[in-house]
Protein backbone atom coordinates (compact mmCIF):
# COMPACT_ATOMS: atom_id res chain seq x y z
CA MET A 1 8.14 14.61 10.13
CA LYS A 2 6.44 16.58 12.89
CA SER A 3 3.17 14.91 11.94
CA SER A 4 4.44 11.33 12.13
CA LEU A 5 2.67 9.01 14.55
CA ASN A 6 4.31 5.72 15.51
CA ALA A 7 5.03 3.42 18.44
CA ALA A 8 8.19 5.27 19.47
CA ARG A 9 6.46 8.66 19.60
CA ARG A 10 3.56 7.16 21.54
CA GLN A 11 5.92 5.77 24.17
CA TRP A 12 7.74 9.08 24.55
CA GLU A 13 4.56 11.12 24.87
CA LEU A 14 3.03 8.68 27.35
CA GLY A 15 5.90 9.60 29.64
CA GLU A 16 5.32 13.32 29.11
CA VAL A 17 1.59 13.32 29.93
CA ARG A 18 2.18 11.62 33.28
CA THR A 19 4.06 14.65 34.57
CA ASP A 20 2.55 17.59 32.66
CA VAL A 21 -0.71 19.44 33.15
CA VAL A 22 -2.23 19.99 29.71
CA ASP A 23 -4.66 22.73 28.75
CA VAL A 24 -7.07 20.29 27.09
CA LEU A 25 -7.58 16.54 27.38
CA VAL A 26 -9.69 15.08 24.56
CA VAL A 27 -11.16 11.60 25.04
CA GLY A 28 -12.05 9.83 21.80
CA LEU A 29 -10.18 9.92 18.49
CA GLY A 30 -12.87 9.69 15.89
CA ALA A 31 -13.42 12.61 13.53
CA THR A 32 -14.80 14.93 16.22
CA GLY A 33 -12.19 14.04 18.84
CA ALA A 34 -9.27 14.30 16.41
CA GLY A 35 -10.83 17.52 15.13
CA ALA A 36 -11.02 18.89 18.69
CA ALA A 37 -7.37 17.99 19.29
CA LEU A 38 -6.42 19.88 16.12
CA ASP A 39 -8.67 22.81 16.94
CA ALA A 40 -7.21 23.25 20.43
CA ALA A 41 -3.59 22.66 19.39
CA SER A 42 -3.85 25.11 16.47
CA ARG A 43 -5.02 27.78 18.94
CA GLY A 44 -1.74 27.32 20.84
CA LEU A 45 -3.16 25.17 23.66
CA SER A 46 -1.33 22.13 24.99
CA VAL A 47 -3.30 18.99 24.17
CA ALA A 48 -3.42 15.31 25.02
CA ALA A 49 -5.90 13.12 23.13
CA VAL A 50 -6.56 9.50 24.04
CA ASP A 51 -8.58 6.62 22.67
CA ALA A 52 -9.18 3.17 24.12
CA HIS A 53 -8.57 1.59 20.72
CA ASP A 54 -7.29 3.25 17.55
CA LEU A 55 -7.85 6.27 15.37
CA ALA A 56 -11.30 6.05 13.72
CA PHE A 57 -12.10 2.86 15.62
CA GLY A 58 -15.77 3.74 16.18
CA THR A 59 -18.49 5.43 14.15
CA SER A 60 -16.16 7.53 12.00
CA ARG A 61 -15.00 4.57 9.90
CA TRP A 62 -18.49 3.19 9.30
CA SER A 63 -20.04 6.15 7.47
CA SER A 64 -21.31 6.26 3.88
CA LYS A 65 -18.22 8.37 3.05
CA LEU A 66 -20.52 11.26 2.13
CA ILE A 67 -19.52 14.88 2.68
CA HIS A 68 -22.96 16.20 1.91
CA GLY A 69 -24.59 19.58 1.70
CA GLY A 70 -27.57 18.71 3.87
CA LEU A 71 -30.25 18.19 1.21
CA ARG A 72 -32.09 15.68 3.40
CA TYR A 73 -32.18 18.18 6.24
CA LEU A 74 -33.75 20.80 3.99
CA ALA A 75 -36.53 18.34 3.20
CA SER A 76 -37.25 17.89 6.92
CA GLY A 77 -37.15 21.62 7.67
CA GLN A 78 -33.73 21.61 9.40
CA VAL A 79 -32.45 24.61 7.47
CA GLY A 80 -29.74 25.47 10.00
CA VAL A 81 -28.27 21.97 9.85
CA ALA A 82 -28.39 22.03 6.04
CA TRP A 83 -26.59 25.40 5.91
CA GLU A 84 -23.93 24.24 8.36
CA SER A 85 -23.38 21.12 6.22
CA ALA A 86 -22.99 23.18 3.03
CA VAL A 87 -20.45 25.50 4.67
CA GLU A 88 -18.40 22.63 6.11
CA ARG A 89 -18.47 20.78 2.79
CA ASP A 90 -17.06 23.90 1.13
CA ILE A 91 -14.24 24.13 3.68
CA LEU A 92 -13.23 20.51 3.07
CA LEU A 93 -13.46 20.76 -0.72
CA ARG A 94 -11.54 24.00 -1.07
CA PHE A 95 -9.26 24.52 1.89
CA THR A 96 -8.58 21.72 4.36
CA ALA A 97 -8.81 18.38 2.53
CA PRO A 98 -9.09 18.79 -1.27
CA HIS A 99 -6.91 15.67 -1.67
CA LEU A 100 -9.40 13.54 0.26
CA VAL A 101 -12.76 15.13 -0.56
CA SER A 102 -14.19 15.67 -4.04
CA ALA A 103 -17.50 15.89 -5.87
CA HIS A 104 -19.26 12.72 -7.00
CA PRO A 105 -22.33 12.21 -9.23
CA TYR A 106 -25.49 10.44 -8.06
CA LEU A 107 -28.44 9.21 -10.09
CA LEU A 108 -32.00 8.97 -8.83
CA PRO A 109 -33.75 6.70 -11.35
CA LEU A 110 -37.25 7.78 -12.34
CA THR A 111 -38.96 4.41 -12.13
CA PRO A 112 -42.72 3.87 -12.00
CA ALA A 113 -42.36 3.99 -8.21
CA VAL A 114 -41.41 7.70 -8.50
CA PRO A 115 -44.46 9.57 -9.81
CA ARG A 116 -43.93 12.71 -11.86
CA SER A 117 -45.13 14.96 -9.05
CA ARG A 118 -42.52 13.52 -6.71
CA ALA A 119 -39.81 13.79 -9.36
CA ALA A 120 -40.65 17.50 -9.69
CA ALA A 121 -40.49 17.97 -5.91
CA LEU A 122 -37.14 16.15 -5.75
CA MET A 123 -35.67 18.32 -8.50
CA ALA A 124 -36.89 21.41 -6.67
CA GLY A 125 -35.06 20.12 -3.60
CA TYR A 126 -31.88 19.57 -5.59
CA ARG A 127 -32.09 23.14 -6.83
CA MET A 128 -32.49 24.39 -3.26
CA GLY A 129 -29.39 22.40 -2.37
CA ASP A 130 -27.57 24.04 -5.25
CA ALA A 131 -28.64 27.43 -3.92
CA LEU A 132 -27.01 26.48 -0.61
CA ARG A 133 -23.85 25.58 -2.56
CA ALA A 134 -23.84 29.02 -4.13
CA ALA A 135 -24.49 30.74 -0.79
CA ALA A 136 -21.57 28.80 0.73
CA ARG A 137 -19.45 30.07 -2.21
CA THR A 138 -18.47 26.62 -3.45
CA PRO A 139 -17.44 27.12 -7.11
CA ARG A 140 -19.54 25.43 -9.77
CA HIS A 141 -16.48 23.70 -11.22
CA LEU A 142 -15.96 21.91 -7.90
CA LEU A 143 -19.59 20.93 -7.45
CA PRO A 144 -21.76 20.84 -10.60
CA GLY A 145 -25.48 21.52 -10.44
CA PRO A 146 -28.39 19.09 -10.85
CA THR A 147 -29.94 18.09 -14.16
CA ARG A 148 -32.39 15.61 -15.61
CA LEU A 149 -31.21 12.80 -17.90
CA ALA A 150 -33.14 10.92 -20.57
CA ALA A 151 -33.62 7.19 -20.16
CA ARG A 152 -30.98 6.30 -22.78
CA ARG A 153 -28.30 8.42 -21.10
CA THR A 154 -29.30 7.02 -17.70
CA LEU A 155 -28.80 3.44 -18.91
CA THR A 156 -25.42 4.38 -20.37
CA LEU A 157 -24.28 5.52 -16.93
CA ALA A 158 -26.10 2.75 -15.04
CA PRO A 159 -26.74 -0.24 -17.35
CA TYR A 160 -27.74 -2.37 -14.37
CA LEU A 161 -31.01 -0.42 -13.92
CA ARG A 162 -34.33 -1.93 -15.04
CA ALA A 163 -35.18 -0.36 -18.40
CA GLU A 164 -38.89 -1.17 -18.30
CA GLY A 165 -40.84 1.94 -17.30
CA LEU A 166 -37.67 4.01 -16.73
CA ARG A 167 -38.29 7.68 -17.62
CA GLY A 168 -34.71 8.77 -17.01
CA ALA A 169 -32.98 10.00 -13.86
CA LEU A 170 -32.20 13.06 -11.81
CA LEU A 171 -28.45 13.68 -11.72
CA SER A 172 -27.06 15.49 -8.68
CA TRP A 173 -23.60 16.06 -7.24
CA ASP A 174 -22.37 16.01 -3.68
CA GLY A 175 -19.12 15.66 -1.79
CA ARG A 176 -17.56 12.41 -0.69
CA VAL A 177 -14.40 11.42 1.09
CA VAL A 178 -12.21 8.73 -0.41
CA ASP A 179 -11.99 7.01 2.99
CA ASP A 180 -13.47 8.33 6.24
CA ALA A 181 -10.82 6.62 8.38
CA ARG A 182 -8.08 8.31 6.36
CA LEU A 183 -9.69 11.67 7.04
CA VAL A 184 -9.43 10.94 10.77
CA VAL A 185 -5.80 9.89 10.41
CA ALA A 186 -5.06 13.15 8.59
CA LEU A 187 -6.76 15.11 11.37
CA ALA A 188 -4.79 13.32 14.08
CA ARG A 189 -1.48 13.78 12.27
CA THR A 190 -2.18 17.46 11.64
CA ALA A 191 -2.97 17.87 15.34
CA ALA A 192 0.32 16.13 16.16
CA ALA A 193 2.17 18.53 13.86
CA HIS A 194 0.72 21.36 15.98
CA GLY A 195 2.03 19.71 19.16
CA ALA A 196 -0.92 17.56 20.29
CA ARG A 197 -0.04 14.26 21.94
CA ILE A 198 -2.07 11.57 20.17
CA LEU A 199 -2.27 8.44 22.33
CA THR A 200 -4.13 5.40 21.07
CA ARG A 201 -4.67 2.24 23.19
CA CYS A 202 -5.20 4.48 26.24
CA ARG A 203 -8.59 3.88 27.85
CA ALA A 204 -10.16 6.61 29.97
CA LEU A 205 -11.56 4.84 33.04
CA ALA A 206 -13.06 7.90 34.73
CA LEU A 207 -13.40 11.58 33.82
CA ALA A 208 -13.50 14.72 35.92
CA GLY A 209 -13.25 18.38 35.10
CA ASP A 210 -9.52 18.36 35.90
CA GLY A 211 -8.41 15.21 34.10
CA ALA A 212 -8.90 11.49 33.78
CA ARG A 213 -7.76 8.14 35.10
CA VAL A 214 -6.30 6.28 32.12
CA ARG A 215 -5.12 2.72 31.47
CA ASP A 216 -2.47 1.86 28.89
CA GLU A 217 -4.16 -1.05 27.13
CA LEU A 218 -0.82 -2.41 25.91
CA THR A 219 0.70 -2.77 29.39
CA GLY A 220 -2.27 -2.60 31.75
CA GLU A 221 -0.66 0.24 33.70
CA GLU A 222 -2.96 2.94 35.10
CA PHE A 223 -2.08 6.60 35.56
CA ASP A 224 -3.65 10.08 35.72
CA ILE A 225 -3.64 12.77 33.05
CA ARG A 226 -4.18 16.21 34.58
CA ALA A 227 -5.88 18.88 32.50
CA ARG A 228 -7.41 22.33 32.80
CA ALA A 229 -10.30 21.27 30.57
CA VAL A 230 -11.71 17.90 29.47
CA ILE A 231 -13.69 17.12 26.30
CA ASN A 232 -15.62 13.88 26.01
CA ALA A 233 -15.78 13.11 22.28
CA THR A 234 -16.47 9.38 22.52
CA GLY A 235 -19.61 9.56 20.42
CA VAL A 236 -22.10 6.80 21.00
CA TRP A 237 -20.16 5.72 24.12
CA ALA A 238 -20.24 9.21 25.71
CA GLY A 239 -22.80 8.23 28.33
CA GLU A 240 -20.52 5.52 29.72
CA LEU A 241 -18.08 8.22 30.87
CA THR A 242 -20.61 10.99 31.48
CA PRO A 243 -23.84 9.34 32.73
CA SER A 244 -25.86 12.56 32.49
CA VAL A 245 -25.63 12.39 28.67
CA ALA A 246 -28.72 10.71 27.16
CA LEU A 247 -28.31 9.25 23.67
CA ARG A 248 -30.47 7.10 21.45
CA PRO A 249 -28.12 5.20 19.14
CA SER A 250 -29.23 4.01 15.73
CA ARG A 251 -27.57 1.43 13.51
CA GLY A 252 -26.66 2.16 9.93
CA THR A 253 -25.72 -0.92 7.89
CA HIS A 254 -23.90 -1.03 4.55
CA LEU A 255 -23.32 -3.94 2.19
CA VAL A 256 -19.99 -4.52 0.48
CA LEU A 257 -20.76 -5.86 -2.99
CA ARG A 258 -18.23 -7.94 -4.87
CA PRO A 259 -16.50 -6.18 -7.79
CA GLY A 260 -18.60 -6.77 -10.87
CA ALA A 261 -21.77 -7.65 -8.96
CA LEU A 262 -23.58 -4.77 -10.69
CA GLY A 263 -21.37 -4.49 -13.74
CA PRO A 264 -19.75 -1.10 -14.47
CA VAL A 265 -20.75 1.55 -11.92
CA HIS A 266 -19.97 5.08 -13.13
CA ALA A 267 -22.06 7.05 -10.64
CA GLY A 268 -23.64 6.64 -7.25
CA LEU A 269 -27.29 5.81 -6.98
CA HIS A 270 -30.18 7.01 -4.82
CA VAL A 271 -32.96 4.40 -4.61
CA PRO A 272 -36.17 5.56 -2.88
CA ILE A 273 -37.12 3.37 0.07
CA PRO A 274 -40.71 2.15 -0.41
CA GLY A 275 -43.11 3.80 1.99
CA GLU A 276 -40.66 6.59 2.91
CA ARG A 277 -40.80 10.11 1.53
CA ASN A 278 -37.27 11.38 2.12
CA ARG A 279 -35.17 8.27 2.67
CA PHE A 280 -33.07 6.57 0.04
CA ALA A 281 -30.75 3.60 -0.21
CA LEU A 282 -27.35 4.53 -1.59
CA VAL A 283 -25.13 2.72 -4.08
CA LEU A 284 -21.58 4.01 -3.72
CA PRO A 285 -18.81 2.82 -6.10
CA GLN A 286 -15.34 2.63 -4.59
CA ALA A 287 -11.95 3.17 -6.22
CA ASP A 288 -10.94 -0.42 -5.38
CA GLY A 289 -13.77 -1.90 -7.46
CA ARG A 290 -16.03 -2.75 -4.56
CA VAL A 291 -19.44 -1.13 -4.22
CA TYR A 292 -21.02 -0.10 -0.93
CA ALA A 293 -24.80 -0.12 -0.63
CA GLY A 294 -26.65 1.23 2.37
CA LEU A 295 -27.99 2.33 4.68
CA THR A 296 -30.44 1.40 7.38
CA ASP A 297 -31.61 3.45 10.34
CA GLU A 298 -32.60 1.08 13.13
CA PRO A 299 -32.67 1.84 16.87
CA LEU A 300 -30.12 -0.02 18.99
CA ASP A 301 -31.28 -1.26 22.37
CA GLY A 302 -29.13 -2.71 25.13
CA PRO A 303 -25.33 -2.59 25.61
CA ILE A 304 -23.29 -0.71 23.03
CA PRO A 305 -20.74 -3.01 21.34
CA ASP A 306 -17.23 -1.88 20.44
CA VAL A 307 -17.77 -3.18 16.89
CA PRO A 308 -21.43 -3.45 15.86
CA GLU A 309 -22.46 -6.28 13.56
CA ALA A 310 -24.70 -6.03 10.51
CA PRO A 311 -27.65 -8.37 11.09
CA GLU A 312 -29.06 -10.51 8.30
CA SER A 313 -32.34 -8.60 8.59
CA ASP A 314 -30.58 -5.37 7.55
CA ILE A 315 -28.85 -7.14 4.67
CA ALA A 316 -32.13 -8.58 3.41
CA PHE A 317 -33.83 -5.17 3.72
CA LEU A 318 -31.19 -3.44 1.62
CA LEU A 319 -31.23 -6.16 -1.05
CA ASP A 320 -35.03 -5.81 -1.28
CA VAL A 321 -34.84 -2.03 -1.65
CA LEU A 322 -32.20 -2.25 -4.38
CA ALA A 323 -34.28 -4.86 -6.21
CA THR A 324 -36.96 -2.23 -6.85
CA ALA A 325 -34.63 -0.49 -9.33
CA LEU A 326 -32.24 -3.15 -10.67
CA ASP A 327 -32.57 -5.16 -13.86
CA ARG A 328 -31.30 -8.23 -12.01
CA PRO A 329 -31.88 -8.47 -8.26
CA LEU A 330 -28.72 -8.99 -6.26
CA ARG A 331 -28.27 -12.33 -4.53
CA ARG A 332 -26.97 -12.86 -1.03
CA ALA A 333 -23.85 -14.37 -2.63
CA ASP A 334 -23.13 -10.99 -4.27
CA VAL A 335 -22.55 -9.54 -0.81
CA ALA A 336 -18.88 -10.02 0.04
CA GLY A 337 -19.15 -8.33 3.43
CA ALA A 338 -21.14 -5.85 5.47
CA PHE A 339 -20.47 -3.23 8.11
CA ALA A 340 -22.56 -1.29 10.58
CA GLY A 341 -22.01 1.97 12.42
CA LEU A 342 -23.82 3.53 15.34
CA ARG A 343 -25.05 7.12 15.16
CA PRO A 344 -24.76 9.03 18.47
CA LEU A 345 -28.18 10.70 18.19
CA ILE A 346 -29.43 12.98 20.93
CA ASP A 347 -32.37 11.30 22.66
CA GLY A 348 -35.87 12.27 21.58
CA PRO A 349 -39.43 11.10 22.26
CA ALA A 350 -39.58 7.45 23.28
CA ASP A 351 -42.17 6.68 20.61
CA GLY A 352 -40.30 8.46 17.79
CA ARG A 353 -38.15 6.82 15.11
CA THR A 354 -34.39 7.27 15.10
CA ALA A 355 -34.71 8.20 11.41
CA ASP A 356 -36.69 11.27 12.49
CA LEU A 357 -34.25 12.49 15.16
CA SER A 358 -32.31 15.66 14.41
CA ARG A 359 -28.70 15.35 13.21
CA ARG A 360 -27.86 18.61 14.96
CA HIS A 361 -24.97 18.34 17.41
CA ALA A 362 -24.97 19.46 21.03
CA VAL A 363 -22.26 20.54 23.45
CA LEU A 364 -23.12 19.69 27.06
CA ARG A 365 -21.36 20.52 30.32
CA SER A 366 -21.72 18.11 33.24
CA PRO A 367 -21.75 19.32 36.87
CA ASP A 368 -18.06 18.42 37.30
CA GLY A 369 -17.08 20.54 34.29
CA VAL A 370 -16.55 17.86 31.63
CA VAL A 371 -17.65 19.08 28.19
CA THR A 372 -19.33 16.44 26.02
CA VAL A 373 -19.99 16.84 22.29
CA VAL A 374 -22.54 14.50 20.71
CA GLY A 375 -24.85 14.20 17.72
CA GLY A 376 -23.90 15.66 14.37
CA LYS A 377 -22.34 13.83 11.44
CA LEU A 378 -19.04 13.36 9.65
CA THR A 379 -19.47 16.41 7.40
CA THR A 380 -19.72 18.82 10.34
CA TYR A 381 -16.96 17.33 12.54
CA ARG A 382 -14.91 20.55 12.33
CA ARG A 383 -17.74 22.77 13.57
CA MET A 384 -18.51 20.29 16.36
CA ALA A 385 -14.87 20.34 17.43
CA GLU A 386 -14.74 24.14 17.35
CA ASP A 387 -17.88 24.43 19.49
CA ALA A 388 -16.53 21.90 21.99
CA VAL A 389 -13.22 23.75 22.40
CA ASP A 390 -15.04 27.10 22.69
CA ALA A 391 -17.12 25.65 25.54
CA ALA A 392 -14.20 23.99 27.30
CA CYS A 393 -11.77 26.91 26.95
CA PRO A 394 -13.81 30.14 26.81
CA GLY A 395 -10.74 32.39 27.09
CA ALA A 396 -8.80 30.74 24.25
CA PRO A 397 -8.03 32.43 20.92
CA ALA A 398 -10.59 31.96 18.14
CA SER A 399 -10.62 28.76 16.10
CA ARG A 400 -8.37 28.65 13.04
CA THR A 401 -9.28 25.28 11.57
CA ALA A 402 -11.44 26.56 8.70
CA ARG A 403 -8.17 27.43 6.96
CA VAL A 404 -5.72 24.89 8.43
CA PRO A 405 -4.90 22.39 5.65
CA LEU A 406 -4.67 18.78 6.71
CA VAL A 407 -1.57 16.68 6.12
CA GLY A 408 -1.29 15.97 2.40
CA ALA A 409 -3.35 18.95 1.25
CA GLY A 410 -0.48 20.65 -0.58
CA PRO A 411 0.43 20.50 -4.28
CA VAL A 412 1.05 17.04 -5.76
CA ARG A 413 4.26 16.57 -7.70
CA PRO A 414 3.85 16.12 -11.48
CA GLY A 415 3.94 12.49 -12.55
CA THR A 416 2.63 11.15 -9.24
CA PRO A 417 0.54 8.00 -9.82
CA GLY A 418 -3.16 8.75 -9.44
CA ARG A 419 -3.76 6.09 -6.80
CA LEU A 420 -1.08 7.53 -4.55
CA ALA A 421 -2.22 11.12 -5.16
CA ARG A 422 -5.80 10.28 -4.15
CA ARG A 423 -4.63 8.49 -1.05
CA TYR A 424 -1.78 10.71 0.17
CA GLY A 425 -1.99 14.02 -1.66
CA SER A 426 1.29 15.91 -1.43
CA GLU A 427 2.89 13.10 0.61
CA ALA A 428 2.50 10.64 -2.26
CA TRP A 429 6.08 11.18 -3.37
CA ALA A 430 7.38 9.92 -0.03
CA VAL A 431 5.43 6.68 -0.35
CA ARG A 432 6.68 6.27 -3.91
CA ASP A 433 10.25 6.78 -2.67
CA LEU A 434 9.77 3.88 -0.25
CA MET A 435 9.11 1.63 -3.23
CA ARG A 436 12.16 2.94 -5.06
CA GLU A 437 14.40 2.37 -2.06
CA ASP A 438 13.08 -1.16 -1.53
CA PRO A 439 11.43 -2.61 -4.67
CA ALA A 440 9.93 -5.42 -2.58
CA LEU A 441 7.63 -2.83 -1.01
CA ALA A 442 6.01 -2.20 -4.40
CA GLU A 443 4.48 -5.69 -4.23
CA PRO A 444 0.67 -5.50 -4.23
CA VAL A 445 -1.19 -6.82 -1.20
CA ALA A 446 -4.86 -6.39 -2.12
CA LEU A 447 -7.19 -3.85 -3.78
CA GLY A 448 -4.29 -1.79 -5.11
CA ILE A 449 -2.66 -1.51 -1.68
CA THR A 450 1.07 -2.28 -1.64
CA ARG A 451 3.46 -3.27 1.10
CA ALA A 452 4.76 0.31 1.01
CA ASP A 453 1.30 1.57 2.06
CA LEU A 454 1.43 -0.69 5.10
CA VAL A 455 4.98 0.32 6.04
CA TRP A 456 4.06 4.00 5.69
CA ALA A 457 1.12 3.47 8.03
CA VAL A 458 3.40 1.89 10.66
CA ARG A 459 6.04 4.62 10.44
CA HIS A 460 3.85 7.70 10.05
CA GLU A 461 0.15 6.96 10.65
CA GLY A 462 0.22 5.41 14.10
CA ALA A 463 -0.65 1.81 13.15
CA LEU A 464 0.37 -0.46 16.03
CA ASP A 465 -0.91 -3.87 14.91
CA ALA A 466 -2.27 -5.78 11.92
CA ALA A 467 -5.87 -4.81 12.68
CA ASP A 468 -4.94 -1.12 12.51
CA LEU A 469 -3.43 -1.74 9.08
CA LEU A 470 -6.19 -3.88 7.57
CA ASP A 471 -9.28 -2.37 9.16
CA ARG A 472 -8.54 1.36 9.42
CA ARG A 473 -5.41 2.48 7.52
CA THR A 474 -6.80 0.43 4.63
CA ARG A 475 -10.24 -1.16 4.14
CA ILE A 476 -8.96 -4.57 3.11
CA GLY A 477 -10.52 -6.15 6.19
CA LEU A 478 -14.12 -5.43 5.14
CA VAL A 479 -14.13 -8.74 3.23
CA PRO A 480 -13.00 -11.69 5.39
CA GLU A 481 -11.18 -13.60 2.63
CA ASP A 482 -9.27 -10.45 1.57
CA ARG A 483 -8.31 -9.87 5.18
CA ALA A 484 -6.98 -13.39 5.62
CA ALA A 485 -4.93 -13.17 2.42
CA ALA A 486 -3.37 -9.82 3.43
CA LEU A 487 -2.66 -10.69 7.06
CA PRO A 488 0.91 -12.02 6.51
CA ALA A 489 1.89 -8.81 4.66
CA ALA A 490 0.44 -6.69 7.47
CA GLU A 491 2.33 -8.61 10.11
CA ALA A 492 5.54 -8.30 8.11
CA ALA A 493 5.06 -4.52 7.77
CA LEU A 494 5.08 -4.12 11.56
CA ALA A 495 8.75 -5.14 11.58
CA TYR A 496 9.59 -1.92 9.64
CA SER A 497 8.79 0.30 12.62
């Protein structure tokens, strides 16, 4: 397949970029960087895209998995950001990634902590969000509108809520992606199908307007990549390569709850954070039975780690917030794991909170010509990428990515198992054929993932080691004991390259 990423293709393309001059070099392969590689390549430009680690290694795999229409931004007066979010959500739902992005219901329980006046204001906000949906032309059947539920119906959908004093709930719908890292993989593979060279384990040591000094992290060898334009899409680490970029990172922590910790979870949950007007903790059921609960918004001071850790203080905070709505407070033992991501927020007043900083993105040009794209959020990655390529290559053809379907977005063959269809879309049949050719690959590994999923990731999704397989191509590694149990299968899959 033209979109396949693997060790052999990486080695071949490493040789090519040492001698060629590409139109665009993209540094960073999270959602925005992979999106920029696709945007530039689909315009007919030659592209090399590098990352020091792996696809979706940084912030893009630590999101809440929401593809949201910007309701929170409406509440804070950021109408432009909200509109942009609604438009980009529509593009993902209808055109580019309908196999990965779908609507999901969320309940906001009307507990005694939510007075009737606030409930009315929240419903008015939901209706404004629905008006944005209509303006963005997202069909009602893809994204239903908000409604109010009686207490009995609320407890049917969420029996783990405290019944005492419950007046019902507000039901709203928004977009979500089945797995944010898989969205990035689909972007990178689609870019590769358009001719982009996608090179993981290649660390940019220094950037200039005409290229970068790069080190192959697998061999230690250094070389230059020459380019007519350079885009720094390294997110929260952008200032390390372009010192003129000022960011104020914030940490968002999520809990991973053990399956069954809450009982049956049929819908997501918005739990108001005490003392905050427009902030909510989220309860997000996952297809594998786990439940994510988050998220915090805490400033990060000091050096930026490659993999941020979720501190116990964040875990305790989230458990306390959830306890305000649950019939039985969660215990620390109910938390099987936790993860934290760093938001690359554009710096604001020193005395302001990171929760109050704008989520609008910015495209900046340094004196040497490097274009840096920062800020924003997962939902608007495509628009961020488009703006970055426009700035870096002003004479290029117009962006096409609003109608470029990602790998897997085509029709799914009848009879395809639902798990495979949700994970691979139109490519599901190829993964199923792997199992038919070698029945041993149908053996489950963990959380519904089979050995065939791991082999597919090695052959077609650019996985180079066990960590790629367990931590990004799948999310098995979020729980340490699951990771340890699946490690032998991941190591065995690497032999199928």
